[in-house]
C-alpha atoms as a PDB file:
ATOM      1  CA  MET A   1    -104.973-160.630  25.486  1.00  0.00           C
ATOM      2  CA  LYS A   2    -102.116-158.199  25.221  1.00  0.00           C
ATOM      3  CA  VAL A   3     -98.724-159.431  23.981  1.00  0.00           C
ATOM      4  CA  MET A   4     -95.675-157.598  25.318  1.00  0.00           C
ATOM      5  CA  GLU A   5     -92.026-157.788  24.253  1.00  0.00           C
ATOM      6  CA  ALA A   6     -89.329-155.964  26.242  1.00  0.00           C
ATOM      7  CA  GLY A   7     -91.996-153.767  27.862  1.00  0.00           C
ATOM      8  CA  THR A   8     -93.581-152.750  24.553  1.00  0.00           C
ATOM      9  CA  MET A   9     -97.017-153.875  23.412  1.00  0.00           C
ATOM     10  CA  VAL A  10     -96.734-155.737  20.106  1.00  0.00           C
ATOM     11  CA  ARG A  11    -100.269-157.092  19.674  1.00  0.00           C
ATOM     12  CA  VAL A  12    -103.720-157.144  21.201  1.00  0.00           C
ATOM     13  CA  GLY A  13    -106.080-159.911  20.229  1.00  0.00           C
ATOM     14  CA  ARG A  14    -108.151-162.935  21.038  1.00  0.00           C
ATOM     15  CA  VAL A  15    -106.413-166.218  21.911  1.00  0.00           C
ATOM     16  CA  GLU A  16    -107.232-168.908  19.369  1.00  0.00           C
ATOM     17  CA  CYS A  17    -105.164-171.804  20.701  1.00  0.00           C
ATOM     18  CA  VAL A  18    -102.739-172.567  23.554  1.00  0.00           C
ATOM     19  CA  SER A  19    -100.028-175.239  23.709  1.00  0.00           C
ATOM     20  CA  ALA A  20    -100.510-178.068  26.211  1.00  0.00           C
ATOM     21  CA  ASN A  21     -97.901-176.620  28.584  1.00  0.00           C
ATOM     22  CA  GLY A  22     -99.163-173.028  28.154  1.00  0.00           C
ATOM     23  CA  ASP A  23     -95.855-171.657  26.856  1.00  0.00           C
ATOM     24  CA  LEU A  24     -97.122-170.791  23.348  1.00  0.00           C
ATOM     25  CA  ILE A  25    -100.327-169.141  22.178  1.00  0.00           C
ATOM     26  CA  TRP A  26    -101.862-168.369  18.809  1.00  0.00           C
ATOM     27  CA  ILE A  27    -103.580-164.985  18.489  1.00  0.00           C
ATOM     28  CA  GLU A  28    -106.348-165.224  15.879  1.00  0.00           C
ATOM     29  CA  ALA A  29    -106.346-163.174  12.690  1.00  0.00           C
ATOM     30  CA  SER A  30    -108.126-159.834  12.891  1.00  0.00           C
ATOM     31  CA  GLY A  31    -108.590-157.468   9.948  1.00  0.00           C
ATOM     32  CA  CYS A  32    -105.268-157.214   8.123  1.00  0.00           C
ATOM     33  CA  GLU A  33    -103.333-158.812  11.021  1.00  0.00           C
ATOM     34  CA  PRO A  34    -102.630-162.515  10.313  1.00  0.00           C
ATOM     35  CA  ARG A  35    -102.825-165.316  12.865  1.00  0.00           C
ATOM     36  CA  ALA A  36     -99.568-165.249  14.864  1.00  0.00           C
ATOM     37  CA  LEU A  37     -97.635-167.345  17.391  1.00  0.00           C
ATOM     38  CA  TYR A  38     -96.349-165.798  20.627  1.00  0.00           C
ATOM     39  CA  GLY A  39     -94.910-167.128  23.860  1.00  0.00           C
ATOM     40  CA  LEU A  40     -92.393-167.030  26.666  1.00  0.00           C
ATOM     41  CA  VAL A  41     -89.867-169.067  24.676  1.00  0.00           C
ATOM     42  CA  LEU A  42     -90.069-166.418  21.935  1.00  0.00           C
ATOM     43  CA  GLY A  43     -89.457-163.535  24.370  1.00  0.00           C
ATOM     44  CA  HIS A  44     -93.081-162.448  24.848  1.00  0.00           C
ATOM     45  CA  SER A  45     -95.305-162.059  27.866  1.00  0.00           C
ATOM     46  CA  VAL A  46     -99.062-162.350  27.522  1.00  0.00           C
ATOM     47  CA  VAL A  47    -101.391-160.512  29.895  1.00  0.00           C
ATOM     48  CA  PRO A  48    -105.139-159.859  30.020  1.00  0.00           C
ATOM     49  CA  VAL A  49    -106.362-156.568  28.554  1.00  0.00           C
ATOM     50  CA  GLU A  50    -107.507-154.253  31.330  1.00  0.00           C
END
């Protein structure tokens, strides 16, 4: 998935976990990038990688 904030890509990664209502997602750790939380309530949009 691709995480966007204000039209800028901030992260690309694999979804590890999603909240029950789908508003928050965890992107799994990859290389030196740690596991991270993203979501609509935090100002992010998450879209599939094309």
